[in-house]
All heavy atoms as atom14 arrays in JSON, in Angstrom:
{
  "sequence": "AQAALSDDLRRMDGLWVDAGLGGARFVPSEAIEVLGAVSVTVDAPG",
  "atom14_mask": [
    [1, 1, 1, 1, 1, 0, 0, 0, 0, 0, 0, 0, 0, 0],
    [1, 1, 1, 1, 1, 1, 1, 1, 1, 0, 0, 0, 0, 0],
    [1, 1, 1, 1, 1, 0, 0, 0, 0, 0, 0, 0, 0, 0],
    [1, 1, 1, 1, 1, 0, 0, 0, 0, 0, 0, 0, 0, 0],
    [1, 1, 1, 1, 1, 1, 1, 1, 0, 0, 0, 0, 0, 0],
    [1, 1, 1, 1, 1, 1, 0, 0, 0, 0, 0, 0, 0, 0],
    [1, 1, 1, 1, 1, 1, 1, 1, 0, 0, 0, 0, 0, 0],
    [1, 1, 1, 1, 1, 1, 1, 1, 0, 0, 0, 0, 0, 0],
    [1, 1, 1, 1, 1, 1, 1, 1, 0, 0, 0, 0, 0, 0],
    [1, 1, 1, 1, 1, 1, 1, 1, 1, 1, 1, 0, 0, 0],
    [1, 1, 1, 1, 1, 1, 1, 1, 1, 1, 1, 0, 0, 0],
    [1, 1, 1, 1, 1, 1, 1, 1, 0, 0, 0, 0, 0, 0],
    [1, 1, 1, 1, 1, 1, 1, 1, 0, 0, 0, 0, 0, 0],
    [1, 1, 1, 1, 0, 0, 0, 0, 0, 0, 0, 0, 0, 0],
    [1, 1, 1, 1, 1, 1, 1, 1, 0, 0, 0, 0, 0, 0],
    [1, 1, 1, 1, 1, 1, 1, 1, 1, 1, 1, 1, 1, 1],
    [1, 1, 1, 1, 1, 1, 1, 0, 0, 0, 0, 0, 0, 0],
    [1, 1, 1, 1, 1, 1, 1, 1, 0, 0, 0, 0, 0, 0],
    [1, 1, 1, 1, 1, 0, 0, 0, 0, 0, 0, 0, 0, 0],
    [1, 1, 1, 1, 0, 0, 0, 0, 0, 0, 0, 0, 0, 0],
    [1, 1, 1, 1, 1, 1, 1, 1, 0, 0, 0, 0, 0, 0],
    [1, 1, 1, 1, 0, 0, 0, 0, 0, 0, 0, 0, 0, 0],
    [1, 1, 1, 1, 0, 0, 0, 0, 0, 0, 0, 0, 0, 0],
    [1, 1, 1, 1, 1, 0, 0, 0, 0, 0, 0, 0, 0, 0],
    [1, 1, 1, 1, 1, 1, 1, 1, 1, 1, 1, 0, 0, 0],
    [1, 1, 1, 1, 1, 1, 1, 1, 1, 1, 1, 0, 0, 0],
    [1, 1, 1, 1, 1, 1, 1, 0, 0, 0, 0, 0, 0, 0],
    [1, 1, 1, 1, 1, 1, 1, 0, 0, 0, 0, 0, 0, 0],
    [1, 1, 1, 1, 1, 1, 0, 0, 0, 0, 0, 0, 0, 0],
    [1, 1, 1, 1, 1, 1, 1, 1, 1, 0, 0, 0, 0, 0],
    [1, 1, 1, 1, 1, 0, 0, 0, 0, 0, 0, 0, 0, 0],
    [1, 1, 1, 1, 1, 1, 1, 1, 0, 0, 0, 0, 0, 0],
    [1, 1, 1, 1, 1, 1, 1, 1, 1, 0, 0, 0, 0, 0],
    [1, 1, 1, 1, 1, 1, 1, 0, 0, 0, 0, 0, 0, 0],
    [1, 1, 1, 1, 1, 1, 1, 1, 0, 0, 0, 0, 0, 0],
    [1, 1, 1, 1, 0, 0, 0, 0, 0, 0, 0, 0, 0, 0],
    [1, 1, 1, 1, 1, 0, 0, 0, 0, 0, 0, 0, 0, 0],
    [1, 1, 1, 1, 1, 1, 1, 0, 0, 0, 0, 0, 0, 0],
    [1, 1, 1, 1, 1, 1, 0, 0, 0, 0, 0, 0, 0, 0],
    [1, 1, 1, 1, 1, 1, 1, 0, 0, 0, 0, 0, 0, 0],
    [1, 1, 1, 1, 1, 1, 1, 0, 0, 0, 0, 0, 0, 0],
    [1, 1, 1, 1, 1, 1, 1, 0, 0, 0, 0, 0, 0, 0],
    [1, 1, 1, 1, 1, 1, 1, 1, 0, 0, 0, 0, 0, 0],
    [1, 1, 1, 1, 1, 0, 0, 0, 0, 0, 0, 0, 0, 0],
    [1, 1, 1, 1, 1, 1, 1, 0, 0, 0, 0, 0, 0, 0],
    [1, 1, 1, 1, 0, 0, 0, 0, 0, 0, 0, 0, 0, 0]
  ],
  "atom14_positions": [
    [[-55.51, 121.55, 166.84], [-55.42, 122.99, 166.61], [-55.7, 123.32, 165.15], [-56.33, 124.34, 164.84], [-54.04, 123.51, 167.0], [0.0, 0.0, 0.0], [0.0, 0.0, 0.0], [0.0, 0.0, 0.0], [0.0, 0.0, 0.0], [0.0, 0.0, 0.0], [0.0, 0.0, 0.0], [0.0, 0.0, 0.0], [0.0, 0.0, 0.0], [0.0, 0.0, 0.0]],
    [[-55.24, 122.45, 164.25], [-55.39, 122.73, 162.83], [-55.11, 121.48, 162.02], [-54.25, 120.67, 162.39], [-54.42, 123.85, 162.42], [-54.41, 124.22, 160.96], [-53.41, 125.32, 160.67], [-53.52, 126.43, 161.18], [-52.41, 125.0, 159.87], [0.0, 0.0, 0.0], [0.0, 0.0, 0.0], [0.0, 0.0, 0.0], [0.0, 0.0, 0.0], [0.0, 0.0, 0.0]],
    [[-55.82, 121.32, 160.92], [-55.56, 120.21, 160.0], [-54.63, 120.71, 158.9], [-54.73, 121.86, 158.46], [-56.86, 119.69, 159.4], [0.0, 0.0, 0.0], [0.0, 0.0, 0.0], [0.0, 0.0, 0.0], [0.0, 0.0, 0.0], [0.0, 0.0, 0.0], [0.0, 0.0, 0.0], [0.0, 0.0, 0.0], [0.0, 0.0, 0.0], [0.0, 0.0, 0.0]],
    [[-53.72, 119.86, 158.48], [-52.77, 120.22, 157.43], [-53.14, 119.49, 156.14], [-53.22, 118.26, 156.13], [-51.35, 119.87, 157.85], [0.0, 0.0, 0.0], [0.0, 0.0, 0.0], [0.0, 0.0, 0.0], [0.0, 0.0, 0.0], [0.0, 0.0, 0.0], [0.0, 0.0, 0.0], [0.0, 0.0, 0.0], [0.0, 0.0, 0.0], [0.0, 0.0, 0.0]],
    [[-53.38, 120.25, 155.07], [-53.7, 119.66, 153.78], [-52.5, 119.72, 152.85], [-51.6, 120.55, 153.01], [-54.87, 120.4, 153.13], [-56.21, 120.39, 153.86], [-57.27, 121.08, 153.02], [-56.65, 118.97, 154.19], [0.0, 0.0, 0.0], [0.0, 0.0, 0.0], [0.0, 0.0, 0.0], [0.0, 0.0, 0.0], [0.0, 0.0, 0.0], [0.0, 0.0, 0.0]],
    [[-52.49, 118.83, 151.87], [-51.44, 118.83, 150.86], [-51.57, 120.08, 149.99], [-52.62, 120.74, 149.97], [-51.52, 117.58, 149.99], [-52.79, 117.5, 149.34], [0.0, 0.0, 0.0], [0.0, 0.0, 0.0], [0.0, 0.0, 0.0], [0.0, 0.0, 0.0], [0.0, 0.0, 0.0], [0.0, 0.0, 0.0], [0.0, 0.0, 0.0], [0.0, 0.0, 0.0]],
    [[-50.51, 120.41, 149.26], [-50.53, 121.62, 148.43], [-51.62, 121.58, 147.37], [-52.18, 122.62, 147.0], [-49.16, 121.82, 147.76], [-48.07, 122.17, 148.77], [-48.42, 122.71, 149.84], [-46.89, 121.91, 148.48], [0.0, 0.0, 0.0], [0.0, 0.0, 0.0], [0.0, 0.0, 0.0], [0.0, 0.0, 0.0], [0.0, 0.0, 0.0], [0.0, 0.0, 0.0]],
    [[-51.93, 120.37, 146.88], [-52.97, 120.26, 145.85], [-54.37, 120.1, 146.44], [-55.34, 119.91, 145.71], [-52.67, 119.11, 144.89], [-52.62, 117.76, 145.61], [-52.84, 117.71, 146.84], [-52.34, 116.75, 144.94], [0.0, 0.0, 0.0], [0.0, 0.0, 0.0], [0.0, 0.0, 0.0], [0.0, 0.0, 0.0], [0.0, 0.0, 0.0], [0.0, 0.0, 0.0]],
    [[-54.46, 120.16, 147.78], [-55.74, 120.09, 148.49], [-56.47, 118.76, 148.27], [-57.69, 118.68, 148.41], [-56.67, 121.24, 148.09], [-56.11, 122.65, 148.24], [-57.15, 123.68, 147.82], [-55.65, 122.9, 149.67], [0.0, 0.0, 0.0], [0.0, 0.0, 0.0], [0.0, 0.0, 0.0], [0.0, 0.0, 0.0], [0.0, 0.0, 0.0], [0.0, 0.0, 0.0]],
    [[-55.73, 117.72, 147.97], [-56.34, 116.43, 147.69], [-56.39, 115.5, 148.9], [-57.16, 114.55, 148.92], [-55.58, 115.72, 146.55], [-55.77, 116.38, 145.2], [-57.16, 116.17, 144.68], [-57.4, 116.91, 143.45], [-58.56, 116.91, 142.82], [-59.57, 116.24, 143.31], [-58.72, 117.61, 141.71], [0.0, 0.0, 0.0], [0.0, 0.0, 0.0], [0.0, 0.0, 0.0]],
    [[-55.59, 115.76, 149.9], [-55.54, 114.86, 151.06], [-55.15, 115.64, 152.32], [-54.6, 116.73, 152.24], [-54.54, 113.73, 150.82], [-53.11, 114.2, 150.74], [-52.14, 113.09, 150.37], [-50.75, 113.55, 150.37], [-50.2, 114.23, 149.37], [-50.89, 114.51, 148.29], [-48.95, 114.62, 149.44], [0.0, 0.0, 0.0], [0.0, 0.0, 0.0], [0.0, 0.0, 0.0]],
    [[-55.45, 115.04, 153.46], [-55.04, 115.6, 154.73], [-53.72, 114.95, 155.13], [-53.64, 113.74, 155.32], [-56.1, 115.34, 155.81], [-55.82, 116.04, 157.12], [-57.1, 115.75, 158.37], [-56.69, 114.05, 158.84], [0.0, 0.0, 0.0], [0.0, 0.0, 0.0], [0.0, 0.0, 0.0], [0.0, 0.0, 0.0], [0.0, 0.0, 0.0], [0.0, 0.0, 0.0]],
    [[-52.69, 115.77, 155.24], [-51.35, 115.25, 155.57], [-51.19, 114.93, 157.05], [-50.35, 114.11, 157.42], [-50.27, 116.25, 155.15], [-50.07, 116.28, 153.65], [-50.47, 115.3, 152.97], [-49.53, 117.28, 153.15], [0.0, 0.0, 0.0], [0.0, 0.0, 0.0], [0.0, 0.0, 0.0], [0.0, 0.0, 0.0], [0.0, 0.0, 0.0], [0.0, 0.0, 0.0]],
    [[-51.98, 115.57, 157.88], [-51.86, 115.33, 159.32], [-52.59, 116.38, 160.12], [-53.36, 117.19, 159.58], [0.0, 0.0, 0.0], [0.0, 0.0, 0.0], [0.0, 0.0, 0.0], [0.0, 0.0, 0.0], [0.0, 0.0, 0.0], [0.0, 0.0, 0.0], [0.0, 0.0, 0.0], [0.0, 0.0, 0.0], [0.0, 0.0, 0.0], [0.0, 0.0, 0.0]],
    [[-52.35, 116.37, 161.43], [-53.01, 117.3, 162.34], [-51.97, 118.0, 163.22], [-51.02, 117.37, 163.7], [-54.01, 116.56, 163.24], [-55.21, 115.9, 162.58], [-55.97, 115.06, 163.6], [-56.13, 116.94, 161.94], [0.0, 0.0, 0.0], [0.0, 0.0, 0.0], [0.0, 0.0, 0.0], [0.0, 0.0, 0.0], [0.0, 0.0, 0.0], [0.0, 0.0, 0.0]],
    [[-52.2, 119.29, 163.45], [-51.43, 120.02, 164.43], [-52.17, 119.93, 165.75], [-53.36, 120.19, 165.82], [-51.26, 121.47, 164.02], [-50.31, 121.66, 162.87], [-50.63, 121.81, 161.56], [-48.89, 121.71, 162.94], [-49.5, 121.93, 160.8], [-48.42, 121.88, 161.62], [-47.97, 121.6, 163.98], [-47.05, 121.96, 161.33], [-46.62, 121.69, 163.69], [-46.18, 121.87, 162.38]],
    [[-51.45, 119.53, 166.78], [-52.05, 119.3, 168.09], [-51.49, 120.3, 169.09], [-50.27, 120.46, 169.22], [-51.78, 117.86, 168.58], [-52.37, 117.65, 169.97], [-52.37, 116.86, 167.6], [0.0, 0.0, 0.0], [0.0, 0.0, 0.0], [0.0, 0.0, 0.0], [0.0, 0.0, 0.0], [0.0, 0.0, 0.0], [0.0, 0.0, 0.0], [0.0, 0.0, 0.0]],
    [[-52.38, 120.97, 169.79], [-51.99, 121.88, 170.87], [-51.85, 121.06, 172.14], [-52.85, 120.6, 172.7], [-53.03, 122.98, 171.04], [-52.67, 123.97, 172.14], [-51.61, 123.82, 172.77], [-53.47, 124.91, 172.36], [0.0, 0.0, 0.0], [0.0, 0.0, 0.0], [0.0, 0.0, 0.0], [0.0, 0.0, 0.0], [0.0, 0.0, 0.0], [0.0, 0.0, 0.0]],
    [[-50.61, 120.86, 172.58], [-50.34, 120.04, 173.76], [-50.16, 120.87, 175.02], [-49.55, 120.4, 176.0], [-49.11, 119.17, 173.52], [0.0, 0.0, 0.0], [0.0, 0.0, 0.0], [0.0, 0.0, 0.0], [0.0, 0.0, 0.0], [0.0, 0.0, 0.0], [0.0, 0.0, 0.0], [0.0, 0.0, 0.0], [0.0, 0.0, 0.0], [0.0, 0.0, 0.0]],
    [[-50.66, 122.09, 175.02], [-50.56, 122.94, 176.21], [-49.13, 123.35, 176.49], [-48.43, 123.88, 175.61], [0.0, 0.0, 0.0], [0.0, 0.0, 0.0], [0.0, 0.0, 0.0], [0.0, 0.0, 0.0], [0.0, 0.0, 0.0], [0.0, 0.0, 0.0], [0.0, 0.0, 0.0], [0.0, 0.0, 0.0], [0.0, 0.0, 0.0], [0.0, 0.0, 0.0]],
    [[-48.64, 123.08, 177.71], [-47.27, 123.43, 178.07], [-46.26, 122.65, 177.25], [-45.09, 123.03, 177.15], [-47.04, 123.17, 179.56], [-47.88, 124.04, 180.52], [-47.6, 123.65, 181.96], [-47.59, 125.52, 180.29], [0.0, 0.0, 0.0], [0.0, 0.0, 0.0], [0.0, 0.0, 0.0], [0.0, 0.0, 0.0], [0.0, 0.0, 0.0], [0.0, 0.0, 0.0]],
    [[-46.71, 121.53, 176.66], [-45.81, 120.73, 175.83], [-45.62, 121.3, 174.45], [-44.87, 120.74, 173.64], [0.0, 0.0, 0.0], [0.0, 0.0, 0.0], [0.0, 0.0, 0.0], [0.0, 0.0, 0.0], [0.0, 0.0, 0.0], [0.0, 0.0, 0.0], [0.0, 0.0, 0.0], [0.0, 0.0, 0.0], [0.0, 0.0, 0.0], [0.0, 0.0, 0.0]],
    [[-46.27, 122.44, 174.16], [-46.12, 123.07, 172.86], [-46.97, 122.41, 171.8], [-47.86, 121.61, 172.09], [0.0, 0.0, 0.0], [0.0, 0.0, 0.0], [0.0, 0.0, 0.0], [0.0, 0.0, 0.0], [0.0, 0.0, 0.0], [0.0, 0.0, 0.0], [0.0, 0.0, 0.0], [0.0, 0.0, 0.0], [0.0, 0.0, 0.0], [0.0, 0.0, 0.0]],
    [[-46.68, 122.73, 170.56], [-47.43, 122.16, 169.43], [-46.74, 120.9, 168.92], [-45.53, 120.79, 168.93], [-47.54, 123.18, 168.31], [0.0, 0.0, 0.0], [0.0, 0.0, 0.0], [0.0, 0.0, 0.0], [0.0, 0.0, 0.0], [0.0, 0.0, 0.0], [0.0, 0.0, 0.0], [0.0, 0.0, 0.0], [0.0, 0.0, 0.0], [0.0, 0.0, 0.0]],
    [[-47.55, 119.95, 168.5], [-47.04, 118.7, 167.93], [-47.72, 118.43, 166.6], [-48.89, 118.77, 166.42], [-47.29, 117.52, 168.87], [-46.47, 117.56, 170.16], [-46.81, 116.38, 171.06], [-45.95, 116.34, 172.24], [-44.78, 115.71, 172.3], [-44.34, 115.05, 171.23], [-44.06, 115.71, 173.4], [0.0, 0.0, 0.0], [0.0, 0.0, 0.0], [0.0, 0.0, 0.0]],
    [[-46.96, 117.85, 165.67], [-47.55, 117.48, 164.38], [-47.69, 115.97, 164.31], [-46.71, 115.24, 164.46], [-46.69, 117.98, 163.22], [-47.28, 117.64, 161.88], [-48.39, 118.32, 161.41], [-46.74, 116.63, 161.1], [-48.95, 118.01, 160.17], [-47.29, 116.31, 159.87], [-48.4, 117.01, 159.4], [0.0, 0.0, 0.0], [0.0, 0.0, 0.0], [0.0, 0.0, 0.0]],
    [[-48.92, 115.51, 164.09], [-49.2, 114.09, 163.97], [-49.51, 113.8, 162.5], [-50.53, 114.28, 161.97], [-50.4, 113.67, 164.84], [-50.68, 112.19, 164.69], [-50.14, 114.02, 166.3], [0.0, 0.0, 0.0], [0.0, 0.0, 0.0], [0.0, 0.0, 0.0], [0.0, 0.0, 0.0], [0.0, 0.0, 0.0], [0.0, 0.0, 0.0], [0.0, 0.0, 0.0]],
    [[-48.66, 113.05, 161.8], [-48.93, 112.73, 160.39], [-50.13, 111.82, 160.25], [-50.52, 111.13, 161.21], [-47.64, 112.04, 159.93], [-47.07, 111.45, 161.19], [-47.41, 112.42, 162.28], [0.0, 0.0, 0.0], [0.0, 0.0, 0.0], [0.0, 0.0, 0.0], [0.0, 0.0, 0.0], [0.0, 0.0, 0.0], [0.0, 0.0, 0.0], [0.0, 0.0, 0.0]],
    [[-50.73, 111.82, 159.08], [-51.94, 111.03, 158.86], [-51.69, 109.54, 159.08], [-52.61, 108.8, 159.46], [-52.48, 111.27, 157.45], [-51.5, 110.95, 156.47], [0.0, 0.0, 0.0], [0.0, 0.0, 0.0], [0.0, 0.0, 0.0], [0.0, 0.0, 0.0], [0.0, 0.0, 0.0], [0.0, 0.0, 0.0], [0.0, 0.0, 0.0], [0.0, 0.0, 0.0]],
    [[-50.46, 109.09, 158.85], [-50.14, 107.68, 159.04], [-50.29, 107.25, 160.49], [-50.49, 106.06, 160.78], [-48.7, 107.38, 158.58], [-48.46, 107.53, 157.09], [-48.27, 108.96, 156.66], [-48.2, 109.85, 157.56], [-48.22, 109.23, 155.45], [0.0, 0.0, 0.0], [0.0, 0.0, 0.0], [0.0, 0.0, 0.0], [0.0, 0.0, 0.0], [0.0, 0.0, 0.0]],
    [[-50.2, 108.21, 161.42], [-50.31, 107.89, 162.84], [-51.72, 108.07, 163.38], [-51.98, 107.79, 164.55], [-49.34, 108.75, 163.65], [0.0, 0.0, 0.0], [0.0, 0.0, 0.0], [0.0, 0.0, 0.0], [0.0, 0.0, 0.0], [0.0, 0.0, 0.0], [0.0, 0.0, 0.0], [0.0, 0.0, 0.0], [0.0, 0.0, 0.0], [0.0, 0.0, 0.0]],
    [[-52.65, 108.52, 162.53], [-54.02, 108.73, 162.97], [-54.81, 107.43, 162.8], [-54.86, 106.87, 161.71], [-54.7, 109.85, 162.16], [-53.91, 111.16, 162.34], [-56.14, 110.03, 162.61], [-54.42, 112.29, 161.46], [0.0, 0.0, 0.0], [0.0, 0.0, 0.0], [0.0, 0.0, 0.0], [0.0, 0.0, 0.0], [0.0, 0.0, 0.0], [0.0, 0.0, 0.0]],
    [[-55.4, 106.97, 163.87], [-56.16, 105.73, 163.83], [-57.65, 105.98, 163.57], [-58.26, 105.33, 162.73], [-55.99, 104.95, 165.14], [-54.57, 104.44, 165.37], [-54.45, 103.63, 166.65], [-55.29, 103.82, 167.56], [-53.52, 102.81, 166.74], [0.0, 0.0, 0.0], [0.0, 0.0, 0.0], [0.0, 0.0, 0.0], [0.0, 0.0, 0.0], [0.0, 0.0, 0.0]],
    [[-58.24, 106.92, 164.31], [-59.67, 107.17, 164.2], [-59.96, 108.66, 164.28], [-59.49, 109.35, 165.19], [-60.47, 106.46, 165.33], [-61.96, 106.76, 165.18], [-60.22, 104.97, 165.31], [0.0, 0.0, 0.0], [0.0, 0.0, 0.0], [0.0, 0.0, 0.0], [0.0, 0.0, 0.0], [0.0, 0.0, 0.0], [0.0, 0.0, 0.0], [0.0, 0.0, 0.0]],
    [[-60.72, 109.16, 163.29], [-61.27, 110.51, 163.36], [-62.7, 110.37, 163.87], [-63.64, 110.19, 163.1], [-61.25, 111.19, 161.99], [-59.89, 111.58, 161.4], [-60.06, 112.18, 160.02], [-59.16, 112.55, 162.32], [0.0, 0.0, 0.0], [0.0, 0.0, 0.0], [0.0, 0.0, 0.0], [0.0, 0.0, 0.0], [0.0, 0.0, 0.0], [0.0, 0.0, 0.0]],
    [[-62.87, 110.4, 165.18], [-64.18, 110.14, 165.76], [-65.03, 111.38, 165.89], [-64.61, 112.49, 165.54], [0.0, 0.0, 0.0], [0.0, 0.0, 0.0], [0.0, 0.0, 0.0], [0.0, 0.0, 0.0], [0.0, 0.0, 0.0], [0.0, 0.0, 0.0], [0.0, 0.0, 0.0], [0.0, 0.0, 0.0], [0.0, 0.0, 0.0], [0.0, 0.0, 0.0]],
    [[-66.23, 111.18, 166.4], [-67.17, 112.29, 166.58], [-66.78, 113.17, 167.75], [-67.04, 114.38, 167.74], [-68.58, 111.75, 166.76], [0.0, 0.0, 0.0], [0.0, 0.0, 0.0], [0.0, 0.0, 0.0], [0.0, 0.0, 0.0], [0.0, 0.0, 0.0], [0.0, 0.0, 0.0], [0.0, 0.0, 0.0], [0.0, 0.0, 0.0], [0.0, 0.0, 0.0]],
    [[-66.17, 112.57, 168.78], [-65.86, 113.34, 169.99], [-64.36, 113.37, 170.31], [-63.94, 114.07, 171.22], [-66.63, 112.79, 171.21], [-68.12, 112.97, 171.01], [-66.3, 111.33, 171.44], [0.0, 0.0, 0.0], [0.0, 0.0, 0.0], [0.0, 0.0, 0.0], [0.0, 0.0, 0.0], [0.0, 0.0, 0.0], [0.0, 0.0, 0.0], [0.0, 0.0, 0.0]],
    [[-63.56, 112.62, 169.57], [-62.12, 112.61, 169.82], [-61.39, 112.04, 168.62], [-61.98, 111.42, 167.73], [-61.78, 111.79, 171.08], [-62.09, 110.42, 170.86], [0.0, 0.0, 0.0], [0.0, 0.0, 0.0], [0.0, 0.0, 0.0], [0.0, 0.0, 0.0], [0.0, 0.0, 0.0], [0.0, 0.0, 0.0], [0.0, 0.0, 0.0], [0.0, 0.0, 0.0]],
    [[-60.07, 112.25, 168.61], [-59.19, 111.69, 167.58], [-58.22, 110.74, 168.28], [-57.57, 111.12, 169.25], [-58.42, 112.79, 166.85], [-57.42, 112.19, 165.87], [-59.38, 113.72, 166.13], [0.0, 0.0, 0.0], [0.0, 0.0, 0.0], [0.0, 0.0, 0.0], [0.0, 0.0, 0.0], [0.0, 0.0, 0.0], [0.0, 0.0, 0.0], [0.0, 0.0, 0.0]],
    [[-58.13, 109.52, 167.77], [-57.22, 108.52, 168.35], [-56.0, 108.37, 167.46], [-56.13, 108.19, 166.24], [-57.91, 107.16, 168.51], [-59.1, 107.33, 169.29], [-57.0, 106.16, 169.2], [0.0, 0.0, 0.0], [0.0, 0.0, 0.0], [0.0, 0.0, 0.0], [0.0, 0.0, 0.0], [0.0, 0.0, 0.0], [0.0, 0.0, 0.0], [0.0, 0.0, 0.0]],
    [[-54.81, 108.45, 168.06], [-53.57, 108.31, 167.32], [-52.7, 107.24, 167.98], [-52.9, 106.91, 169.15], [-52.8, 109.65, 167.27], [-53.63, 110.72, 166.58], [-52.42, 110.12, 168.68], [0.0, 0.0, 0.0], [0.0, 0.0, 0.0], [0.0, 0.0, 0.0], [0.0, 0.0, 0.0], [0.0, 0.0, 0.0], [0.0, 0.0, 0.0], [0.0, 0.0, 0.0]],
    [[-51.76, 106.68, 167.22], [-50.87, 105.67, 167.79], [-49.51, 106.24, 168.15], [-48.62, 105.51, 168.6], [-50.73, 104.47, 166.85], [-50.15, 104.83, 165.49], [-49.58, 105.95, 165.36], [-50.27, 104.03, 164.56], [0.0, 0.0, 0.0], [0.0, 0.0, 0.0], [0.0, 0.0, 0.0], [0.0, 0.0, 0.0], [0.0, 0.0, 0.0], [0.0, 0.0, 0.0]],
    [[-49.33, 107.55, 167.93], [-48.09, 108.23, 168.3], [-48.42, 109.69, 168.59], [-49.26, 110.27, 167.9], [-47.05, 108.12, 167.2], [0.0, 0.0, 0.0], [0.0, 0.0, 0.0], [0.0, 0.0, 0.0], [0.0, 0.0, 0.0], [0.0, 0.0, 0.0], [0.0, 0.0, 0.0], [0.0, 0.0, 0.0], [0.0, 0.0, 0.0], [0.0, 0.0, 0.0]],
    [[-47.8, 110.29, 169.61], [-48.14, 111.66, 169.98], [-47.62, 112.71, 169.01], [-47.99, 113.88, 169.12], [-47.48, 111.82, 171.36], [-46.33, 110.86, 171.33], [-46.79, 109.7, 170.52], [0.0, 0.0, 0.0], [0.0, 0.0, 0.0], [0.0, 0.0, 0.0], [0.0, 0.0, 0.0], [0.0, 0.0, 0.0], [0.0, 0.0, 0.0], [0.0, 0.0, 0.0]],
    [[-46.78, 112.31, 168.08], [-46.24, 113.25, 167.11], [-45.0, 113.97, 167.61], [-44.63, 113.89, 168.77], [0.0, 0.0, 0.0], [0.0, 0.0, 0.0], [0.0, 0.0, 0.0], [0.0, 0.0, 0.0], [0.0, 0.0, 0.0], [0.0, 0.0, 0.0], [0.0, 0.0, 0.0], [0.0, 0.0, 0.0], [0.0, 0.0, 0.0], [0.0, 0.0, 0.0]]
  ]
}
């Protein structure tokens, strides 16, 4: 749904994920494995 940047705009802190009926989830950058061309792979749902 949205990428979250640090206050100094130097790094991406994580991603906001729209999980539908499950609501919104925040996945920190530490849990992001791959920023791919067609999908994002994470090791935790946030």
